Amino acid sequence: RLENGEIRRGGSIDTLRGLIAEHGRGRVPLWIQYANDQAEGLLKLGADWHVRPTTGFVEALKEAFGDDRVEVVFNRHIDHDASSDVEHAA
């Protein structure tokens, strides 16, 4: 889950980009739950952001963003109207 201020500062996006580069791109889509004062939503990032959800990558995400802000869900249909259904979120 990324908050509006984190996006403006760019730190979270740069951190995420660096972790993907470090751990290797993959074929699993990355979803971000984004929120600001006006709205919130679930965003599916493009193919350049696909990941390999290895244990090391997930641990690095949790270290960078916090355990409570990273969720990995496999083989789950994403309901775009339900922001709680997150395949990969940071």
N, C-alpha and C. Protein backbone atom coordinates (compact mmCIF):
# COMPACT_ATOMS: atom_id res chain seq x y z
N ARG A 1 0.86 -1.17 0.00
CA ARG A 1 0.00 0.00 0.00
C ARG A 1 0.90 1.22 0.00
N LEU A 2 0.69 2.09 -0.95
CA LEU A 2 1.46 3.32 -1.03
C LEU A 2 0.54 4.50 -0.79
N GLU A 3 1.00 5.43 0.00
CA GLU A 3 0.23 6.63 0.28
C GLU A 3 0.68 7.74 -0.67
N ASN A 4 -0.15 8.75 -0.83
CA ASN A 4 0.11 9.84 -1.78
C ASN A 4 1.47 10.49 -1.58
N GLY A 5 1.84 10.80 -0.35
CA GLY A 5 3.11 11.45 -0.09
C GLY A 5 4.30 10.62 -0.52
N GLU A 6 4.20 9.32 -0.41
CA GLU A 6 5.30 8.44 -0.81
C GLU A 6 5.51 8.50 -2.32
N ILE A 7 4.43 8.58 -3.07
CA ILE A 7 4.54 8.66 -4.53
C ILE A 7 5.18 9.98 -4.92
N ARG A 8 4.75 11.07 -4.32
CA ARG A 8 5.31 12.40 -4.66
C ARG A 8 6.80 12.45 -4.37
N ARG A 9 7.22 11.88 -3.26
CA ARG A 9 8.65 11.89 -2.94
C ARG A 9 9.44 10.97 -3.85
N GLY A 10 8.78 9.97 -4.42
CA GLY A 10 9.45 9.06 -5.34
C GLY A 10 10.24 7.97 -4.67
N GLY A 11 10.44 8.04 -3.37
CA GLY A 11 11.26 7.07 -2.69
C GLY A 11 10.74 5.65 -2.80
N SER A 12 9.46 5.47 -2.63
CA SER A 12 8.90 4.12 -2.68
C SER A 12 8.99 3.53 -4.07
N ILE A 13 8.71 4.31 -5.07
CA ILE A 13 8.78 3.82 -6.45
C ILE A 13 10.22 3.48 -6.81
N ASP A 14 11.15 4.34 -6.43
CA ASP A 14 12.57 4.06 -6.71
C ASP A 14 13.03 2.81 -5.97
N THR A 15 12.59 2.65 -4.73
CA THR A 15 12.95 1.47 -3.95
C THR A 15 12.39 0.21 -4.61
N LEU A 16 11.13 0.26 -5.01
CA LEU A 16 10.50 -0.89 -5.66
C LEU A 16 11.21 -1.24 -6.96
N ARG A 17 11.50 -0.24 -7.76
CA ARG A 17 12.21 -0.46 -9.03
C ARG A 17 13.58 -1.11 -8.77
N GLY A 18 14.28 -0.65 -7.76
CA GLY A 18 15.58 -1.21 -7.42
C GLY A 18 15.49 -2.65 -6.95
N LEU A 19 14.47 -2.97 -6.16
CA LEU A 19 14.30 -4.34 -5.69
C LEU A 19 13.98 -5.29 -6.84
N ILE A 20 13.17 -4.84 -7.77
CA ILE A 20 12.86 -5.68 -8.93
C ILE A 20 14.12 -5.91 -9.75
N ALA A 21 14.91 -4.87 -9.96
CA ALA A 21 16.15 -5.01 -10.72
C ALA A 21 17.12 -5.96 -10.01
N GLU A 22 17.21 -5.83 -8.70
CA GLU A 22 18.13 -6.66 -7.91
C GLU A 22 17.74 -8.13 -7.91
N HIS A 23 16.44 -8.41 -7.82
CA HIS A 23 15.96 -9.78 -7.69
C HIS A 23 15.53 -10.38 -9.02
N GLY A 24 15.53 -9.60 -10.07
CA GLY A 24 15.19 -10.11 -11.40
C GLY A 24 13.72 -9.98 -11.73
N ARG A 25 13.47 -9.56 -12.95
CA ARG A 25 12.09 -9.49 -13.42
C ARG A 25 11.57 -10.89 -13.63
N GLY A 26 10.26 -11.01 -13.60
CA GLY A 26 9.63 -12.31 -13.78
C GLY A 26 8.37 -12.20 -14.60
N ARG A 27 7.46 -13.13 -14.35
CA ARG A 27 6.22 -13.17 -15.13
C ARG A 27 4.99 -12.92 -14.27
N VAL A 28 5.17 -12.66 -13.00
CA VAL A 28 4.03 -12.47 -12.10
C VAL A 28 3.71 -10.98 -12.00
N PRO A 29 2.46 -10.61 -12.28
CA PRO A 29 2.09 -9.19 -12.21
C PRO A 29 2.18 -8.64 -10.79
N LEU A 30 2.45 -7.37 -10.72
CA LEU A 30 2.55 -6.66 -9.44
C LEU A 30 1.37 -5.71 -9.34
N TRP A 31 0.68 -5.77 -8.22
CA TRP A 31 -0.46 -4.90 -7.95
C TRP A 31 -0.09 -3.99 -6.78
N ILE A 32 -0.54 -2.75 -6.86
CA ILE A 32 -0.30 -1.78 -5.78
C ILE A 32 -1.64 -1.23 -5.32
N GLN A 33 -1.85 -1.26 -4.03
CA GLN A 33 -3.03 -0.57 -3.48
C GLN A 33 -2.57 0.84 -3.14
N TYR A 34 -3.15 1.82 -3.83
CA TYR A 34 -2.75 3.21 -3.68
C TYR A 34 -3.86 4.00 -2.99
N ALA A 35 -3.49 4.91 -2.12
CA ALA A 35 -4.49 5.72 -1.42
C ALA A 35 -3.98 7.15 -1.24
N ASN A 36 -4.90 8.10 -1.37
CA ASN A 36 -4.63 9.49 -1.00
C ASN A 36 -5.86 10.01 -0.26
N ASP A 37 -5.91 11.31 0.01
CA ASP A 37 -7.03 11.87 0.77
C ASP A 37 -8.35 11.80 0.02
N GLN A 38 -8.30 11.72 -1.31
CA GLN A 38 -9.50 11.76 -2.14
C GLN A 38 -10.06 10.39 -2.50
N ALA A 39 -9.17 9.41 -2.68
CA ALA A 39 -9.63 8.10 -3.16
C ALA A 39 -8.55 7.05 -2.92
N GLU A 40 -8.93 5.82 -3.19
CA GLU A 40 -7.95 4.75 -3.17
C GLU A 40 -8.35 3.74 -4.23
N GLY A 41 -7.37 2.97 -4.68
CA GLY A 41 -7.66 1.99 -5.71
C GLY A 41 -6.55 0.97 -5.85
N LEU A 42 -6.85 -0.06 -6.60
CA LEU A 42 -5.92 -1.14 -6.86
C LEU A 42 -5.38 -0.96 -8.28
N LEU A 43 -4.07 -0.89 -8.41
CA LEU A 43 -3.42 -0.65 -9.70
C LEU A 43 -2.59 -1.86 -10.11
N LYS A 44 -2.81 -2.34 -11.30
CA LYS A 44 -1.97 -3.42 -11.84
C LYS A 44 -0.89 -2.75 -12.68
N LEU A 45 0.36 -2.99 -12.30
CA LEU A 45 1.47 -2.38 -13.01
C LEU A 45 1.77 -3.16 -14.28
N GLY A 46 2.40 -2.49 -15.24
CA GLY A 46 2.68 -3.08 -16.54
C GLY A 46 3.74 -4.17 -16.51
N ALA A 47 3.98 -4.75 -17.68
CA ALA A 47 4.89 -5.90 -17.80
C ALA A 47 6.30 -5.58 -17.34
N ASP A 48 6.74 -4.35 -17.44
CA ASP A 48 8.08 -3.98 -16.96
C ASP A 48 8.22 -4.13 -15.44
N TRP A 49 7.10 -4.25 -14.76
CA TRP A 49 7.10 -4.38 -13.31
C TRP A 49 6.78 -5.79 -12.85
N HIS A 50 6.70 -6.75 -13.76
CA HIS A 50 6.44 -8.13 -13.36
C HIS A 50 7.62 -8.65 -12.55
N VAL A 51 7.32 -9.53 -11.60
CA VAL A 51 8.33 -9.96 -10.63
C VAL A 51 8.46 -11.48 -10.58
N ARG A 52 9.54 -11.91 -9.94
CA ARG A 52 9.74 -13.31 -9.53
C ARG A 52 9.54 -13.31 -8.02
N PRO A 53 8.43 -13.83 -7.53
CA PRO A 53 8.13 -13.72 -6.09
C PRO A 53 8.89 -14.73 -5.24
N THR A 54 10.21 -14.65 -5.29
CA THR A 54 11.04 -15.54 -4.48
C THR A 54 10.95 -15.12 -3.02
N THR A 55 11.36 -16.00 -2.15
CA THR A 55 11.39 -15.68 -0.73
C THR A 55 12.26 -14.46 -0.47
N GLY A 56 13.40 -14.39 -1.13
CA GLY A 56 14.30 -13.24 -0.95
C GLY A 56 13.67 -11.93 -1.38
N PHE A 57 12.94 -11.96 -2.50
CA PHE A 57 12.27 -10.74 -2.98
C PHE A 57 11.18 -10.30 -2.01
N VAL A 58 10.37 -11.24 -1.56
CA VAL A 58 9.29 -10.90 -0.63
C VAL A 58 9.86 -10.37 0.69
N GLU A 59 10.91 -10.99 1.18
CA GLU A 59 11.54 -10.50 2.42
C GLU A 59 12.11 -9.10 2.22
N ALA A 60 12.71 -8.84 1.05
CA ALA A 60 13.24 -7.51 0.77
C ALA A 60 12.11 -6.48 0.71
N LEU A 61 10.97 -6.84 0.12
CA LEU A 61 9.82 -5.94 0.09
C LEU A 61 9.35 -5.62 1.51
N LYS A 62 9.25 -6.65 2.34
CA LYS A 62 8.79 -6.45 3.71
C LYS A 62 9.76 -5.59 4.50
N GLU A 63 11.04 -5.78 4.27
CA GLU A 63 12.03 -4.95 4.96
C GLU A 63 11.94 -3.50 4.51
N ALA A 64 11.72 -3.29 3.22
CA ALA A 64 11.67 -1.93 2.68
C ALA A 64 10.37 -1.21 3.02
N PHE A 65 9.24 -1.94 3.02
CA PHE A 65 7.93 -1.30 3.15
C PHE A 65 7.19 -1.65 4.42
N GLY A 66 7.61 -2.70 5.12
CA GLY A 66 6.93 -3.13 6.34
C GLY A 66 6.13 -4.41 6.11
N ASP A 67 6.18 -5.29 7.10
CA ASP A 67 5.48 -6.58 7.00
C ASP A 67 4.00 -6.42 6.70
N ASP A 68 3.38 -5.42 7.31
CA ASP A 68 1.94 -5.24 7.18
C ASP A 68 1.54 -4.61 5.85
N ARG A 69 2.51 -4.25 5.02
CA ARG A 69 2.19 -3.59 3.75
C ARG A 69 2.49 -4.45 2.54
N VAL A 70 2.87 -5.70 2.76
CA VAL A 70 3.20 -6.61 1.66
C VAL A 70 2.35 -7.86 1.81
N GLU A 71 1.68 -8.25 0.74
CA GLU A 71 0.88 -9.46 0.75
C GLU A 71 1.11 -10.20 -0.56
N VAL A 72 1.33 -11.50 -0.48
CA VAL A 72 1.51 -12.33 -1.65
C VAL A 72 0.35 -13.32 -1.70
N VAL A 73 -0.34 -13.32 -2.84
CA VAL A 73 -1.48 -14.22 -3.02
C VAL A 73 -1.32 -14.89 -4.37
N PHE A 74 -1.35 -16.23 -4.39
CA PHE A 74 -1.22 -16.99 -5.63
C PHE A 74 -2.57 -17.56 -6.03
N ASN A 75 -2.77 -17.69 -7.34
CA ASN A 75 -3.96 -18.34 -7.90
C ASN A 75 -5.25 -17.77 -7.34
N ARG A 76 -5.34 -16.47 -7.37
CA ARG A 76 -6.52 -15.81 -6.85
C ARG A 76 -7.03 -14.86 -7.91
N HIS A 77 -8.31 -14.90 -8.18
CA HIS A 77 -8.92 -13.97 -9.12
C HIS A 77 -8.96 -12.59 -8.49
N ILE A 78 -8.54 -11.60 -9.24
CA ILE A 78 -8.56 -10.23 -8.73
C ILE A 78 -9.88 -9.58 -9.11
N ASP A 79 -10.65 -9.19 -8.12
CA ASP A 79 -11.88 -8.45 -8.33
C ASP A 79 -11.52 -6.98 -8.26
N HIS A 80 -11.56 -6.31 -9.40
CA HIS A 80 -11.10 -4.92 -9.46
C HIS A 80 -11.96 -3.97 -8.63
N ASP A 81 -13.13 -4.42 -8.18
CA ASP A 81 -13.96 -3.57 -7.33
C ASP A 81 -13.67 -3.77 -5.85
N ALA A 82 -12.83 -4.75 -5.54
CA ALA A 82 -12.53 -5.04 -4.13
C ALA A 82 -11.07 -4.76 -3.87
N SER A 83 -10.76 -3.65 -3.25
CA SER A 83 -9.37 -3.26 -3.06
C SER A 83 -8.65 -4.17 -2.07
N SER A 84 -9.36 -5.02 -1.36
CA SER A 84 -8.69 -5.92 -0.43
C SER A 84 -8.08 -7.12 -1.14
N ASP A 85 -8.47 -7.39 -2.38
CA ASP A 85 -7.91 -8.50 -3.14
C ASP A 85 -6.65 -8.02 -3.83
N VAL A 86 -5.53 -8.29 -3.24
CA VAL A 86 -4.24 -7.82 -3.75
C VAL A 86 -3.37 -9.01 -4.06
N GLU A 87 -2.89 -9.11 -5.32
CA GLU A 87 -2.01 -10.21 -5.65
C GLU A 87 -0.63 -9.95 -5.11
N HIS A 88 -0.06 -8.82 -5.43
CA HIS A 88 1.24 -8.39 -4.89
C HIS A 88 1.12 -6.90 -4.64
N ALA A 89 1.34 -6.50 -3.46
CA ALA A 89 1.26 -5.10 -3.16
C ALA A 89 2.45 -4.70 -2.34
N ALA A 90 2.85 -3.46 -2.55
CA ALA A 90 3.92 -2.92 -1.76
C ALA A 90 3.47 -1.60 -1.24
